[in-house]
Amino acid sequence: MSMERVREAADRIKRLEVQGATNVALTAMKALVEQMKASQVRDIDSALHEIAEAKEILFKSRETEPFMRNAIRYIEWGIARERWETTSQFHRLIHSLSEDLLNKFKEARDRIIEVGSKRVLDGSRVLTHCHSSAVSGILKVAKEKGVDFEVVLTETRPVYQGRITAREMLESGVRTTMIVDSAVRSFMTKVDLALVGADAITSEGNIINKIGTSLLALAAHEARTPFYVASELLKFDPQTIHGDYEAIEERSPEELWPQAPQELEIRNPAFDVTRRDYIHGIISEEGLISPHSIMEAVRRRYPWILEALGG
């Protein structure tokens, strides 16, 4: 197959037309489902061969995206274990698998928002970094409940994802202040809690998120400000169980300085690692959990994540 739909989605993800771990995962899964619905495979071997080809293309589009990888693996895992004999049965199965995962995600997100919104109290000031749809959902629902609070957010250079969060907060009627990334430590003593999302969770309970998150966590630790992470357990990276490190994607130097001097070396990592020791809790579909108990929570909620990788 030409994999036209899959390649188109992968290119959009590479160009950052699709941002955020959740949007990347849903875009990739939709492309895979559409591609497979156009396929005329008649047996499991040929189906798995085509999915493997699509998987390779999608996985290369963004290094630090375990949610996307888990979504694709879920469909691959389901195709391999379910009994089907005709092309039409295959098409129905792949549709059913994608709908099932979407429902799991929606249930997880609703639970995260329910739990997280209870952490936002009247008169509080919340500091956040980058843009997280989970964090925005928590803050919007807290506002809808009548909680009177403020948000302090970073620009999040070099792509300025903080502007997305700022617009959403203002549209929701939340008092919002934007600061430069390097002002985080100065403002940490002026806020009541820090709340960020995650692109990946490791088997040790560390989180990978937008570059600068680890500095925010360190500043919160120094100021004794609670630091929470809002994330679906679907972002757990099972490869880290076997000792692998989550890859840290490096973006184009052009994002920092277009037409920079040729002799200048520019590094532009998109993510960093925040150790579990600085995380007060992970707000997940399992409730508010300790990062130390991440493996137990994933095994209980999504055993297929471990099975799909042979964990």
C-alpha atoms as a PDB file:
ATOM      1  CA  MET A   1       0.000   0.000   0.000  1.00  0.00           C
ATOM      2  CA  SER A   2       1.066   3.604  -0.563  1.00  0.00           C
ATOM      3  CA  MET A   3       0.354   4.543   3.077  1.00  0.00           C
ATOM      4  CA  GLU A   4      -0.785   7.952   1.815  1.00  0.00           C
ATOM      5  CA  ARG A   5      -2.982   8.772   4.822  1.00  0.00           C
ATOM      6  CA  VAL A   6      -0.340   7.610   7.287  1.00  0.00           C
ATOM      7  CA  ARG A   7       2.441   9.574   5.579  1.00  0.00           C
ATOM      8  CA  GLU A   8       0.294  12.704   5.460  1.00  0.00           C
ATOM      9  CA  ALA A   9      -0.422  12.453   9.206  1.00  0.00           C
ATOM     10  CA  ALA A  10       3.249  11.790   9.977  1.00  0.00           C
ATOM     11  CA  ASP A  11       4.287  14.873   7.989  1.00  0.00           C
ATOM     12  CA  ARG A  12       1.777  17.057   9.854  1.00  0.00           C
ATOM     13  CA  ILE A  13       3.105  15.744  13.173  1.00  0.00           C
ATOM     14  CA  LYS A  14       6.717  16.384  12.116  1.00  0.00           C
ATOM     15  CA  ARG A  15       5.910  19.961  11.076  1.00  0.00           C
ATOM     16  CA  LEU A  16       4.264  20.620  14.479  1.00  0.00           C
ATOM     17  CA  GLU A  17       0.940  21.278  12.790  1.00  0.00           C
ATOM     18  CA  VAL A  18      -0.307  18.786  15.390  1.00  0.00           C
ATOM     19  CA  GLN A  19       0.860  19.651  18.917  1.00  0.00           C
ATOM     20  CA  GLY A  20       0.399  17.987  22.289  1.00  0.00           C
ATOM     21  CA  ALA A  21       0.742  14.305  23.138  1.00  0.00           C
ATOM     22  CA  THR A  22      -3.016  13.719  23.071  1.00  0.00           C
ATOM     23  CA  ASN A  23      -3.578  15.357  19.674  1.00  0.00           C
ATOM     24  CA  VAL A  24      -0.578  13.538  18.204  1.00  0.00           C
ATOM     25  CA  ALA A  25      -1.873  10.171  19.437  1.00  0.00           C
ATOM     26  CA  LEU A  26      -5.412  10.728  18.168  1.00  0.00           C
ATOM     27  CA  THR A  27      -4.195  12.022  14.799  1.00  0.00           C
ATOM     28  CA  ALA A  28      -1.909   9.024  14.310  1.00  0.00           C
ATOM     29  CA  MET A  29      -4.578   6.524  15.320  1.00  0.00           C
ATOM     30  CA  LYS A  30      -7.173   8.109  13.034  1.00  0.00           C
ATOM     31  CA  ALA A  31      -4.738   7.973  10.115  1.00  0.00           C
ATOM     32  CA  LEU A  32      -3.962   4.313  10.784  1.00  0.00           C
ATOM     33  CA  VAL A  33      -7.646   3.394  10.985  1.00  0.00           C
ATOM     34  CA  GLU A  34      -8.451   5.246   7.749  1.00  0.00           C
ATOM     35  CA  GLN A  35      -5.497   3.589   6.021  1.00  0.00           C
ATOM     36  CA  MET A  36      -6.491   0.112   7.170  1.00  0.00           C
ATOM     37  CA  LYS A  37     -10.118   0.648   6.158  1.00  0.00           C
ATOM     38  CA  ALA A  38      -8.836   1.231   2.629  1.00  0.00           C
ATOM     39  CA  SER A  39      -6.855  -2.004   2.783  1.00  0.00           C
ATOM     40  CA  GLN A  40      -7.991  -5.289   1.275  1.00  0.00           C
ATOM     41  CA  VAL A  41      -6.064  -7.597   3.617  1.00  0.00           C
ATOM     42  CA  ARG A  42      -7.523 -11.085   4.012  1.00  0.00           C
ATOM     43  CA  ASP A  43      -5.469 -12.628   6.811  1.00  0.00           C
ATOM     44  CA  ILE A  44      -3.712 -11.735  10.052  1.00  0.00           C
ATOM     45  CA  ASP A  45      -0.186 -11.925   8.611  1.00  0.00           C
ATOM     46  CA  SER A  46      -0.859  -9.425   5.840  1.00  0.00           C
ATOM     47  CA  ALA A  47      -2.752  -7.145   8.237  1.00  0.00           C
ATOM     48  CA  LEU A  48       0.082  -7.129  10.763  1.00  0.00           C
ATOM     49  CA  HIS A  49       2.588  -6.531   7.956  1.00  0.00           C
ATOM     50  CA  GLU A  50       0.714  -3.392   6.838  1.00  0.00           C
ATOM     51  CA  ILE A  51       0.267  -2.170  10.411  1.00  0.00           C
ATOM     52  CA  ALA A  52       3.983  -2.661  11.035  1.00  0.00           C
ATOM     53  CA  GLU A  53       4.753  -0.541   7.975  1.00  0.00           C
ATOM     54  CA  ALA A  54       2.392   2.206   9.143  1.00  0.00           C
ATOM     55  CA  LYS A  55       3.755   1.966  12.678  1.00  0.00           C
ATOM     56  CA  GLU A  56       7.317   2.547  11.495  1.00  0.00           C
ATOM     57  CA  ILE A  57       6.299   5.694   9.611  1.00  0.00           C
ATOM     58  CA  LEU A  58       4.276   7.114  12.497  1.00  0.00           C
ATOM     59  CA  PHE A  59       6.809   6.279  15.205  1.00  0.00           C
ATOM     60  CA  LYS A  60       9.523   8.164  13.299  1.00  0.00           C
ATOM     61  CA  SER A  61       7.391  11.306  13.105  1.00  0.00           C
ATOM     62  CA  ARG A  62       7.989  12.184  16.764  1.00  0.00           C
ATOM     63  CA  GLU A  63      10.422  10.505  19.134  1.00  0.00           C
ATOM     64  CA  THR A  64       8.926  11.417  22.507  1.00  0.00           C
ATOM     65  CA  GLU A  65       5.333  10.209  22.114  1.00  0.00           C
ATOM     66  CA  PRO A  66       4.521   6.992  24.034  1.00  0.00           C
ATOM     67  CA  PHE A  67       0.791   7.767  23.963  1.00  0.00           C
ATOM     68  CA  MET A  68       0.890   7.594  20.180  1.00  0.00           C
ATOM     69  CA  ARG A  69       2.926   4.393  20.286  1.00  0.00           C
ATOM     70  CA  ASN A  70       0.541   2.825  22.816  1.00  0.00           C
ATOM     71  CA  ALA A  71      -2.471   3.757  20.691  1.00  0.00           C
ATOM     72  CA  ILE A  72      -0.968   2.094  17.611  1.00  0.00           C
ATOM     73  CA  ARG A  73       0.165  -0.935  19.637  1.00  0.00           C
ATOM     74  CA  TYR A  74      -3.360  -1.328  21.039  1.00  0.00           C
ATOM     75  CA  ILE A  75      -4.787  -1.715  17.551  1.00  0.00           C
ATOM     76  CA  GLU A  76      -1.960  -4.037  16.514  1.00  0.00           C
ATOM     77  CA  TRP A  77      -2.442  -6.115  19.690  1.00  0.00           C
ATOM     78  CA  GLY A  78      -6.207  -6.346  19.111  1.00  0.00           C
ATOM     79  CA  ILE A  79      -5.839  -7.397  15.475  1.00  0.00           C
ATOM     80  CA  ALA A  80      -3.412 -10.158  16.470  1.00  0.00           C
ATOM     81  CA  ARG A  81      -5.519 -11.641  19.282  1.00  0.00           C
ATOM     82  CA  GLU A  82      -9.064 -11.402  17.848  1.00  0.00           C
ATOM     83  CA  ARG A  83     -10.464 -13.960  15.419  1.00  0.00           C
ATOM     84  CA  TRP A  84     -11.532 -12.614  12.039  1.00  0.00           C
ATOM     85  CA  GLU A  85     -11.654 -14.165   8.595  1.00  0.00           C
ATOM     86  CA  THR A  86     -12.804 -11.632   6.007  1.00  0.00           C
ATOM     87  CA  THR A  87     -11.826  -8.119   4.944  1.00  0.00           C
ATOM     88  CA  SER A  88     -15.161  -6.726   6.145  1.00  0.00           C
ATOM     89  CA  GLN A  89     -14.645  -8.351   9.559  1.00  0.00           C
ATOM     90  CA  PHE A  90     -11.177  -6.808   9.682  1.00  0.00           C
ATOM     91  CA  HIS A  91     -12.584  -3.358   8.923  1.00  0.00           C
ATOM     92  CA  ARG A  92     -15.244  -3.708  11.630  1.00  0.00           C
ATOM     93  CA  LEU A  93     -12.661  -4.906  14.137  1.00  0.00           C
ATOM     94  CA  ILE A  94     -10.225  -2.064  13.544  1.00  0.00           C
ATOM     95  CA  HIS A  95     -13.094   0.436  13.869  1.00  0.00           C
ATOM     96  CA  SER A  96     -14.208  -1.219  17.109  1.00  0.00           C
ATOM     97  CA  LEU A  97     -10.679  -1.166  18.541  1.00  0.00           C
ATOM     98  CA  SER A  98     -10.198   2.521  17.771  1.00  0.00           C
ATOM     99  CA  GLU A  99     -13.591   3.419  19.277  1.00  0.00           C
ATOM    100  CA  ASP A 100     -12.787   1.397  22.386  1.00  0.00           C
ATOM    101  CA  LEU A 101      -9.492   3.228  22.881  1.00  0.00           C
ATOM    102  CA  LEU A 102     -11.168   6.583  22.323  1.00  0.00           C
ATOM    103  CA  ASN A 103     -13.708   5.717  25.012  1.00  0.00           C
ATOM    104  CA  LYS A 104     -10.905   4.722  27.384  1.00  0.00           C
ATOM    105  CA  PHE A 105      -9.206   8.037  26.737  1.00  0.00           C
ATOM    106  CA  LYS A 106     -12.406  10.054  27.269  1.00  0.00           C
ATOM    107  CA  GLU A 107     -13.116   8.242  30.530  1.00  0.00           C
ATOM    108  CA  ALA A 108      -9.534   8.845  31.659  1.00  0.00           C
ATOM    109  CA  ARG A 109      -9.672  12.539  30.781  1.00  0.00           C
ATOM    110  CA  ASP A 110     -13.003  13.037  32.565  1.00  0.00           C
ATOM    111  CA  ARG A 111     -11.609  11.393  35.690  1.00  0.00           C
ATOM    112  CA  ILE A 112      -8.435  13.496  35.594  1.00  0.00           C
ATOM    113  CA  ILE A 113     -10.447  16.705  35.302  1.00  0.00           C
ATOM    114  CA  GLU A 114     -12.750  15.620  38.127  1.00  0.00           C
ATOM    115  CA  VAL A 115      -9.842  14.846  40.477  1.00  0.00           C
ATOM    116  CA  GLY A 116      -7.639  17.750  39.413  1.00  0.00           C
ATOM    117  CA  SER A 117     -10.309  20.440  39.680  1.00  0.00           C
ATOM    118  CA  LYS A 118     -10.627  19.660  43.400  1.00  0.00           C
ATOM    119  CA  ARG A 119      -7.014  20.778  43.877  1.00  0.00           C
ATOM    120  CA  VAL A 120      -7.809  24.300  42.672  1.00  0.00           C
ATOM    121  CA  LEU A 121      -9.119  26.266  45.657  1.00  0.00           C
ATOM    122  CA  ASP A 122     -10.713  29.664  46.138  1.00  0.00           C
ATOM    123  CA  GLY A 123      -8.152  32.426  46.266  1.00  0.00           C
ATOM    124  CA  SER A 124      -5.358  30.231  44.925  1.00  0.00           C
ATOM    125  CA  ARG A 125      -2.815  30.991  42.231  1.00  0.00           C
ATOM    126  CA  VAL A 126      -1.770  28.180  39.889  1.00  0.00           C
ATOM    127  CA  LEU A 127       1.469  28.150  37.893  1.00  0.00           C
ATOM    128  CA  THR A 128       1.654  26.121  34.684  1.00  0.00           C
ATOM    129  CA  HIS A 129       4.100  25.599  31.817  1.00  0.00           C
ATOM    130  CA  CYS A 130       3.576  24.916  28.112  1.00  0.00           C
ATOM    131  CA  HIS A 131       0.111  23.825  26.992  1.00  0.00           C
ATOM    132  CA  SER A 132      -1.624  20.723  28.301  1.00  0.00           C
ATOM    133  CA  SER A 133      -5.196  19.908  27.332  1.00  0.00           C
ATOM    134  CA  ALA A 134      -5.541  18.017  30.626  1.00  0.00           C
ATOM    135  CA  VAL A 135      -4.378  21.012  32.667  1.00  0.00           C
ATOM    136  CA  SER A 136      -6.601  23.384  30.701  1.00  0.00           C
ATOM    137  CA  GLY A 137      -9.547  21.037  31.269  1.00  0.00           C
ATOM    138  CA  ILE A 138      -8.913  21.007  35.017  1.00  0.00           C
ATOM    139  CA  LEU A 139      -8.716  24.793  35.209  1.00  0.00           C
ATOM    140  CA  LYS A 140     -11.778  25.358  33.026  1.00  0.00           C
ATOM    141  CA  VAL A 141     -13.921  23.015  35.124  1.00  0.00           C
ATOM    142  CA  ALA A 142     -12.690  24.613  38.348  1.00  0.00           C
ATOM    143  CA  LYS A 143     -13.799  27.962  36.940  1.00  0.00           C
ATOM    144  CA  GLU A 144     -17.171  26.519  35.910  1.00  0.00           C
ATOM    145  CA  LYS A 145     -17.639  25.307  39.489  1.00  0.00           C
ATOM    146  CA  GLY A 146     -17.320  28.897  40.664  1.00  0.00           C
ATOM    147  CA  VAL A 147     -13.801  28.653  42.090  1.00  0.00           C
ATOM    148  CA  ASP A 148     -12.092  32.059  42.179  1.00  0.00           C
ATOM    149  CA  PHE A 149      -8.431  31.597  41.265  1.00  0.00           C
ATOM    150  CA  GLU A 150      -5.648  32.999  39.104  1.00  0.00           C
ATOM    151  CA  VAL A 151      -3.249  31.418  36.629  1.00  0.00           C
ATOM    152  CA  VAL A 152       0.392  32.313  36.085  1.00  0.00           C
ATOM    153  CA  LEU A 153       1.854  30.765  32.945  1.00  0.00           C
ATOM    154  CA  THR A 154       5.118  30.769  31.047  1.00  0.00           C
ATOM    155  CA  GLU A 155       5.694  31.844  27.462  1.00  0.00           C
ATOM    156  CA  THR A 156       7.259  28.429  26.837  1.00  0.00           C
ATOM    157  CA  ARG A 157       9.873  29.312  24.283  1.00  0.00           C
ATOM    158  CA  PRO A 158      10.857  28.852  21.554  1.00  0.00           C
ATOM    159  CA  VAL A 159       7.433  27.972  20.067  1.00  0.00           C
ATOM    160  CA  TYR A 160       5.397  29.900  22.683  1.00  0.00           C
ATOM    161  CA  GLN A 161       2.831  27.210  23.510  1.00  0.00           C
ATOM    162  CA  GLY A 162       1.984  29.260  26.591  1.00  0.00           C
ATOM    163  CA  ARG A 163      -0.015  31.552  24.336  1.00  0.00           C
ATOM    164  CA  ILE A 164      -2.447  28.717  23.628  1.00  0.00           C
ATOM    165  CA  THR A 165      -3.059  28.245  27.349  1.00  0.00           C
ATOM    166  CA  ALA A 166      -3.335  32.011  27.872  1.00  0.00           C
ATOM    167  CA  ARG A 167      -6.049  32.382  25.246  1.00  0.00           C
ATOM    168  CA  GLU A 168      -8.016  29.439  26.648  1.00  0.00           C
ATOM    169  CA  MET A 169      -7.840  30.810  30.186  1.00  0.00           C
ATOM    170  CA  LEU A 170      -8.912  34.299  29.140  1.00  0.00           C
ATOM    171  CA  GLU A 171     -11.806  32.895  27.118  1.00  0.00           C
ATOM    172  CA  SER A 172     -12.883  31.020  30.258  1.00  0.00           C
ATOM    173  CA  GLY A 173     -12.776  34.193  32.325  1.00  0.00           C
ATOM    174  CA  VAL A 174      -9.729  33.218  34.386  1.00  0.00           C
ATOM    175  CA  ARG A 175      -7.395  35.996  35.540  1.00  0.00           C
ATOM    176  CA  THR A 176      -4.136  35.188  33.787  1.00  0.00           C
ATOM    177  CA  THR A 177      -0.560  36.466  33.962  1.00  0.00           C
ATOM    178  CA  MET A 178       2.161  35.468  31.504  1.00  0.00           C
ATOM    179  CA  ILE A 179       5.837  35.430  32.506  1.00  0.00           C
ATOM    180  CA  VAL A 180       9.066  34.679  30.668  1.00  0.00           C
ATOM    181  CA  ASP A 181      10.353  31.161  31.289  1.00  0.00           C
ATOM    182  CA  SER A 182      13.361  32.375  33.264  1.00  0.00           C
ATOM    183  CA  ALA A 183      11.077  34.142  35.794  1.00  0.00           C
ATOM    184  CA  VAL A 184       9.691  30.865  37.158  1.00  0.00           C
ATOM    185  CA  ARG A 185      11.860  30.855  40.276  1.00  0.00           C
ATOM    186  CA  SER A 186      10.967  34.478  41.065  1.00  0.00           C
ATOM    187  CA  PHE A 187       7.241  33.729  40.918  1.00  0.00           C
ATOM    188  CA  MET A 188       7.266  30.310  42.597  1.00  0.00           C
ATOM    189  CA  THR A 189       6.885  31.789  46.095  1.00  0.00           C
ATOM    190  CA  LYS A 190       3.871  33.774  44.880  1.00  0.00           C
ATOM    191  CA  VAL A 191       1.814  30.741  43.779  1.00  0.00           C
ATOM    192  CA  ASP A 192       0.033  27.979  45.694  1.00  0.00           C
ATOM    193  CA  LEU A 193       0.706  25.066  43.385  1.00  0.00           C
ATOM    194  CA  ALA A 194       2.353  24.155  40.104  1.00  0.00           C
ATOM    195  CA  LEU A 195       0.422  22.008  37.635  1.00  0.00           C
ATOM    196  CA  VAL A 196       1.776  20.626  34.363  1.00  0.00           C
ATOM    197  CA  GLY A 197       0.953  17.908  31.875  1.00  0.00           C
ATOM    198  CA  ALA A 198       3.216  15.147  30.576  1.00  0.00           C
ATOM    199  CA  ASP A 199       4.257  13.689  27.255  1.00  0.00           C
ATOM    200  CA  ALA A 200       5.578  10.491  28.810  1.00  0.00           C
ATOM    201  CA  ILE A 201       5.750   8.637  32.118  1.00  0.00           C
ATOM    202  CA  THR A 202       8.581   6.178  32.774  1.00  0.00           C
ATOM    203  CA  SER A 203       8.538   2.940  34.742  1.00  0.00           C
ATOM    204  CA  GLU A 204      10.346   4.747  37.584  1.00  0.00           C
ATOM    205  CA  GLY A 205       7.611   7.362  37.836  1.00  0.00           C
ATOM    206  CA  ASN A 206       9.663  10.139  36.241  1.00  0.00           C
ATOM    207  CA  ILE A 207       7.878  12.326  33.706  1.00  0.00           C
ATOM    208  CA  ILE A 208       8.995  13.743  30.390  1.00  0.00           C
ATOM    209  CA  ASN A 209       7.446  17.068  29.491  1.00  0.00           C
ATOM    210  CA  LYS A 210       8.228  20.293  27.660  1.00  0.00           C
ATOM    211  CA  ILE A 211      11.764  21.585  28.189  1.00  0.00           C
ATOM    212  CA  GLY A 212      11.853  23.723  31.326  1.00  0.00           C
ATOM    213  CA  THR A 213       9.490  21.518  33.333  1.00  0.00           C
ATOM    214  CA  SER A 214      12.338  20.074  35.410  1.00  0.00           C
ATOM    215  CA  LEU A 215      13.512  23.581  36.308  1.00  0.00           C
ATOM    216  CA  LEU A 216       9.972  24.445  37.376  1.00  0.00           C
ATOM    217  CA  ALA A 217       9.908  21.315  39.558  1.00  0.00           C
ATOM    218  CA  LEU A 218      13.239  22.208  41.150  1.00  0.00           C
ATOM    219  CA  ALA A 219      12.026  25.741  41.886  1.00  0.00           C
ATOM    220  CA  ALA A 220       8.820  24.327  43.377  1.00  0.00           C
ATOM    221  CA  HIS A 221      10.842  21.971  45.578  1.00  0.00           C
ATOM    222  CA  GLU A 222      12.995  24.824  46.838  1.00  0.00           C
ATOM    223  CA  ALA A 223       9.934  26.989  47.547  1.00  0.00           C
ATOM    224  CA  ARG A 224       8.012  24.060  49.078  1.00  0.00           C
ATOM    225  CA  THR A 225       5.251  24.586  46.541  1.00  0.00           C
ATOM    226  CA  PRO A 226       3.259  21.449  45.617  1.00  0.00           C
ATOM    227  CA  PHE A 227       4.083  20.229  42.117  1.00  0.00           C
ATOM    228  CA  TYR A 228       1.474  18.066  40.381  1.00  0.00           C
ATOM    229  CA  VAL A 229       1.372  16.325  37.014  1.00  0.00           C
ATOM    230  CA  ALA A 230      -1.917  15.737  35.186  1.00  0.00           C
ATOM    231  CA  SER A 231      -1.589  12.812  32.800  1.00  0.00           C
ATOM    232  CA  GLU A 232      -3.339   9.737  31.489  1.00  0.00           C
ATOM    233  CA  LEU A 233      -1.602   6.475  32.275  1.00  0.00           C
ATOM    234  CA  LEU A 234      -1.876   5.830  28.532  1.00  0.00           C
ATOM    235  CA  LYS A 235       1.281   7.966  28.305  1.00  0.00           C
ATOM    236  CA  PHE A 236       3.256   5.336  30.190  1.00  0.00           C
ATOM    237  CA  ASP A 237       6.280   4.146  28.216  1.00  0.00           C
ATOM    238  CA  PRO A 238       6.632   0.357  28.648  1.00  0.00           C
ATOM    239  CA  GLN A 239      10.039   0.328  26.944  1.00  0.00           C
ATOM    240  CA  THR A 240      11.534   1.974  30.040  1.00  0.00           C
ATOM    241  CA  ILE A 241      10.795  -1.225  31.995  1.00  0.00           C
ATOM    242  CA  HIS A 242      13.579  -2.924  30.062  1.00  0.00           C
ATOM    243  CA  GLY A 243      16.120  -0.200  30.764  1.00  0.00           C
ATOM    244  CA  ASP A 244      15.566   1.931  27.676  1.00  0.00           C
ATOM    245  CA  TYR A 245      15.446   5.694  28.053  1.00  0.00           C
ATOM    246  CA  GLU A 246      12.659   7.731  26.538  1.00  0.00           C
ATOM    247  CA  ALA A 247      14.149   9.572  23.566  1.00  0.00           C
ATOM    248  CA  ILE A 248      14.395  13.346  23.908  1.00  0.00           C
ATOM    249  CA  GLU A 249      13.496  14.956  20.615  1.00  0.00           C
ATOM    250  CA  GLU A 250      15.620  17.833  19.362  1.00  0.00           C
ATOM    251  CA  ARG A 251      13.896  20.423  17.228  1.00  0.00           C
ATOM    252  CA  SER A 252      15.294  22.595  14.442  1.00  0.00           C
ATOM    253  CA  PRO A 253      17.790  25.339  15.401  1.00  0.00           C
ATOM    254  CA  GLU A 254      15.684  27.650  13.212  1.00  0.00           C
ATOM    255  CA  GLU A 255      13.151  27.809  16.041  1.00  0.00           C
ATOM    256  CA  LEU A 256      15.725  29.588  18.206  1.00  0.00           C
ATOM    257  CA  TRP A 257      17.508  31.767  15.673  1.00  0.00           C
ATOM    258  CA  PRO A 258      16.616  31.872  11.995  1.00  0.00           C
ATOM    259  CA  GLN A 259      19.675  32.585   9.840  1.00  0.00           C
ATOM    260  CA  ALA A 260      22.049  32.233  12.786  1.00  0.00           C
ATOM    261  CA  PRO A 261      25.826  32.493  12.233  1.00  0.00           C
ATOM    262  CA  GLN A 262      26.988  29.304  10.539  1.00  0.00           C
ATOM    263  CA  GLU A 263      29.752  28.651  13.081  1.00  0.00           C
ATOM    264  CA  LEU A 264      27.288  28.770  15.986  1.00  0.00           C
ATOM    265  CA  GLU A 265      26.124  25.432  17.365  1.00  0.00           C
ATOM    266  CA  ILE A 266      22.510  25.540  18.566  1.00  0.00           C
ATOM    267  CA  ARG A 267      20.843  22.838  20.666  1.00  0.00           C
ATOM    268  CA  ASN A 268      17.077  22.775  20.892  1.00  0.00           C
ATOM    269  CA  PRO A 269      15.802  19.828  22.997  1.00  0.00           C
ATOM    270  CA  ALA A 270      12.011  19.798  23.112  1.00  0.00           C
ATOM    271  CA  PHE A 271      11.658  17.923  26.420  1.00  0.00           C
ATOM    272  CA  ASP A 272      13.381  17.199  29.705  1.00  0.00           C
ATOM    273  CA  VAL A 273      13.028  14.661  32.519  1.00  0.00           C
ATOM    274  CA  THR A 274      11.522  15.535  35.899  1.00  0.00           C
ATOM    275  CA  ARG A 275      12.440  13.045  38.587  1.00  0.00           C
ATOM    276  CA  ARG A 276       9.686  11.530  40.705  1.00  0.00           C
ATOM    277  CA  ASP A 277      11.276  12.914  43.883  1.00  0.00           C
ATOM    278  CA  TYR A 278       9.990  16.384  42.950  1.00  0.00           C
ATOM    279  CA  ILE A 279       6.448  15.271  42.054  1.00  0.00           C
ATOM    280  CA  HIS A 280       3.830  15.488  44.814  1.00  0.00           C
ATOM    281  CA  GLY A 281       1.413  13.380  42.837  1.00  0.00           C
ATOM    282  CA  ILE A 282       0.228  12.309  39.393  1.00  0.00           C
ATOM    283  CA  ILE A 283      -3.404  13.197  38.714  1.00  0.00           C
ATOM    284  CA  SER A 284      -4.565  10.249  36.624  1.00  0.00           C
ATOM    285  CA  GLU A 285      -7.587   8.088  35.825  1.00  0.00           C
ATOM    286  CA  GLU A 286      -6.630   6.071  38.912  1.00  0.00           C
ATOM    287  CA  GLY A 287      -7.015   9.205  41.028  1.00  0.00           C
ATOM    288  CA  LEU A 288      -4.153  11.065  42.679  1.00  0.00           C
ATOM    289  CA  ILE A 289      -1.321   8.549  42.826  1.00  0.00           C
ATOM    290  CA  SER A 290       2.300   8.554  43.918  1.00  0.00           C
ATOM    291  CA  PRO A 291       4.803   8.411  41.035  1.00  0.00           C
ATOM    292  CA  HIS A 292       6.408   5.506  42.911  1.00  0.00           C
ATOM    293  CA  SER A 293       3.292   3.365  42.266  1.00  0.00           C
ATOM    294  CA  ILE A 294       3.075   3.963  38.518  1.00  0.00           C
ATOM    295  CA  MET A 295       3.782   0.359  37.481  1.00  0.00           C
ATOM    296  CA  GLU A 296       1.069  -1.010  39.753  1.00  0.00           C
ATOM    297  CA  ALA A 297      -1.446   1.529  38.430  1.00  0.00           C
ATOM    298  CA  VAL A 298      -0.680   0.767  34.774  1.00  0.00           C
ATOM    299  CA  ARG A 299      -0.808  -2.984  35.342  1.00  0.00           C
ATOM    300  CA  ARG A 300      -4.194  -2.624  37.021  1.00  0.00           C
ATOM    301  CA  ARG A 301      -5.755  -0.230  34.496  1.00  0.00           C
ATOM    302  CA  TYR A 302      -4.098  -1.134  31.166  1.00  0.00           C
ATOM    303  CA  PRO A 303      -2.483  -4.592  31.323  1.00  0.00           C
ATOM    304  CA  TRP A 304      -2.460  -4.684  27.509  1.00  0.00           C
ATOM    305  CA  ILE A 305       0.234  -1.976  27.452  1.00  0.00           C
ATOM    306  CA  LEU A 306       2.618  -4.440  29.053  1.00  0.00           C
ATOM    307  CA  GLU A 307       1.339  -7.418  27.083  1.00  0.00           C
ATOM    308  CA  ALA A 308       1.649  -5.610  23.748  1.00  0.00           C
ATOM    309  CA  LEU A 309       5.361  -5.107  24.361  1.00  0.00           C
ATOM    310  CA  GLY A 310       5.875  -8.473  26.015  1.00  0.00           C
ATOM    311  CA  GLY A 311       6.248  -6.870  29.482  1.00  0.00           C
END
